[in-house]
Protein backbone atom coordinates (compact mmCIF):
# COMPACT_ATOMS: atom_id res chain seq x y z
CA MET A 1 0.04 -0.02 0.01
CA ILE A 2 1.25 3.52 -0.79
CA GLU A 3 1.07 4.88 2.68
CA GLU A 4 3.17 2.09 3.81
CA ARG A 5 5.94 3.13 1.52
CA GLY A 6 5.89 6.68 2.81
CA LEU A 7 4.39 8.22 -0.29
CA PRO A 8 2.05 11.16 -0.15
CA SER A 9 -1.51 9.97 0.25
CA SER A 10 -4.68 10.84 2.21
CA LEU A 11 -7.14 7.99 2.80
CA THR A 12 -9.31 10.59 4.54
CA CYS A 13 -9.64 12.69 1.47
CA GLU A 14 -10.32 9.68 -0.71
CA ARG A 15 -12.98 8.49 1.66
CA LEU A 16 -14.63 11.94 1.86
CA ILE A 17 -14.68 12.34 -1.88
CA LEU A 18 -16.09 8.82 -2.52
CA GLY A 19 -18.58 9.20 0.33
CA SER A 20 -19.78 12.46 -1.07
CA VAL A 21 -20.25 10.95 -4.47
CA LEU A 22 -22.05 7.91 -3.12
CA GLN A 23 -24.50 10.24 -1.13
CA ASP A 24 -24.99 12.70 -4.01
CA GLY A 25 -24.07 11.64 -7.54
CA GLU A 26 -24.73 15.13 -8.67
CA VAL A 27 -21.39 16.30 -7.33
CA LEU A 28 -19.75 14.30 -10.23
CA HIS A 29 -20.68 17.03 -12.73
CA ASP A 30 -17.95 19.21 -11.23
CA ILE A 31 -15.29 16.70 -10.06
CA ARG A 32 -15.48 13.92 -12.71
CA PRO A 33 -13.17 15.68 -15.11
CA LEU A 34 -10.68 16.45 -12.39
CA LEU A 35 -9.96 12.94 -11.05
CA SER A 36 -8.74 9.63 -12.43
CA GLN A 37 -8.24 6.23 -10.89
CA GLU A 38 -4.50 7.06 -10.32
CA ASP A 39 -5.47 9.70 -7.81
CA PHE A 40 -6.69 7.02 -5.44
CA THR A 41 -4.14 5.11 -3.52
CA THR A 42 -5.97 1.83 -2.59
CA GLU A 43 -7.10 -0.72 -5.12
CA THR A 44 -10.54 -0.65 -3.57
CA HIS A 45 -10.86 3.03 -3.92
CA ARG A 46 -9.71 2.73 -7.59
CA ARG A 47 -12.42 0.11 -8.27
CA ILE A 48 -15.11 2.14 -6.71
CA TRP A 49 -14.05 5.22 -8.71
CA ALA A 50 -13.98 3.08 -11.87
CA ARG A 51 -17.52 1.94 -11.31
CA VAL A 52 -18.75 5.48 -10.41
CA CYS A 53 -17.26 6.85 -13.59
CA GLU A 54 -18.55 4.07 -15.74
CA LEU A 55 -22.12 4.75 -14.45
CA TYR A 56 -21.79 8.49 -14.65
CA ASP A 57 -20.26 8.39 -18.23
CA ALA A 58 -23.13 6.10 -19.31
CA GLY A 59 -25.70 8.64 -18.05
CA ARG A 60 -26.84 6.30 -15.33
CA PRO A 61 -27.57 7.60 -11.69
CA VAL A 62 -24.87 7.09 -9.09
CA ASP A 63 -25.72 6.04 -5.55
CA ILE A 64 -24.48 3.43 -3.08
CA THR A 65 -26.72 0.71 -4.26
CA ILE A 66 -26.14 1.15 -7.96
CA VAL A 67 -22.35 1.25 -7.50
CA PHE A 68 -22.53 -1.94 -5.29
CA HIS A 69 -24.49 -3.80 -7.98
CA ALA A 70 -22.22 -2.55 -10.83
CA GLY A 71 -19.22 -3.71 -8.80
CA GLU A 72 -20.91 -7.13 -8.30
CA ALA A 73 -21.51 -7.40 -12.05
CA HIS A 74 -17.82 -6.72 -12.81
CA GLY A 75 -16.65 -9.07 -10.02
CA ASP A 76 -14.71 -6.11 -8.36
CA GLY A 77 -15.16 -7.54 -4.91
CA ILE A 78 -16.51 -4.24 -3.59
CA GLN A 79 -18.13 -5.00 -0.33
CA GLY A 80 -21.49 -3.44 0.48
CA PHE A 81 -20.43 -2.81 4.06
CA TYR A 82 -17.27 -0.91 2.85
CA LEU A 83 -19.42 1.32 0.64
CA ALA A 84 -21.81 1.89 3.58
CA ASP A 85 -18.89 2.74 5.78
CA LEU A 86 -17.78 5.44 3.33
CA ILE A 87 -20.98 7.40 3.73
CA VAL A 88 -21.26 7.09 7.54
CA ASP A 89 -20.65 10.52 9.03
CA VAL A 90 -19.69 12.06 5.73
CA PRO A 91 -21.18 15.57 5.81
CA ARG A 92 -22.34 17.28 2.61
CA LEU A 93 -19.09 18.94 1.70
CA SER A 94 -19.40 22.52 0.48
CA HIS A 95 -15.62 22.46 -0.05
CA LEU A 96 -15.28 19.23 -1.95
CA HIS A 97 -13.11 20.88 -4.60
CA GLU A 98 -10.52 21.55 -1.81
CA HIS A 99 -10.36 17.76 -1.15
CA VAL A 100 -10.04 17.08 -4.81
CA ARG A 101 -7.25 19.66 -5.02
CA LEU A 102 -5.49 17.95 -2.09
CA LEU A 103 -5.76 14.49 -3.77
CA LYS A 104 -4.46 15.84 -7.01
CA ASP A 105 -1.52 17.51 -5.30
CA MET A 106 -0.54 14.16 -3.72
CA THR A 107 -0.80 12.46 -7.02
CA VAL A 108 1.64 14.95 -8.53
CA ARG A 109 4.03 14.53 -5.66
CA ARG A 110 3.88 10.75 -5.99
CA LYS A 111 4.65 10.93 -9.72
CA MET A 112 7.52 13.17 -8.95
CA MET A 113 8.93 10.82 -6.48
CA PHE A 114 8.58 7.88 -8.92
CA ALA A 115 10.30 9.89 -11.61
CA LEU A 116 13.15 10.87 -9.26
CA GLN A 117 13.48 7.21 -8.17
CA HIS A 118 13.64 6.10 -11.84
CA MET A 119 16.34 8.66 -12.67
CA THR A 120 18.32 7.63 -9.59
CA ASN A 121 18.11 3.95 -10.63
CA ARG A 122 19.32 4.74 -14.11
CA CYS A 123 22.29 6.57 -12.64
C-alpha cells in the first residue's frame, strides 16, 4: 500500500470524496473531469471510482446501491459494508473541490517521487 511506502496519500480525502459521491451523485458534474483512478491510492478506492465513472459516463444515476451492483456485475469484490462505511458520518461537503485539489496534489508529488527514483536507478 502506498502509505506504507511513505508516499504522499490521504485516505481521509479519498474516503470523503467517494462518500460524497455515493451520497449525492450530482457532485460528479464538477469533479469527474478532475480525478482519475490513479488519484486513489488503494485498489478498492480505484475500483469504486472506476464503477462510479462508468455509471456516470453512461448517463446512469450514481448512488451506493447502484455502485454496489455494478461492482458485483464486474466481479470487483467491492463489499457493500465498505461502501456503507464510506458514507457514514460524511457531511455534505461545500468545499469538496478543496479535497479534490489535495488529492491531485498528492498524485503529482507521488509521480515526481517515482520519476526521481527512476532517474536515480538509471544513474
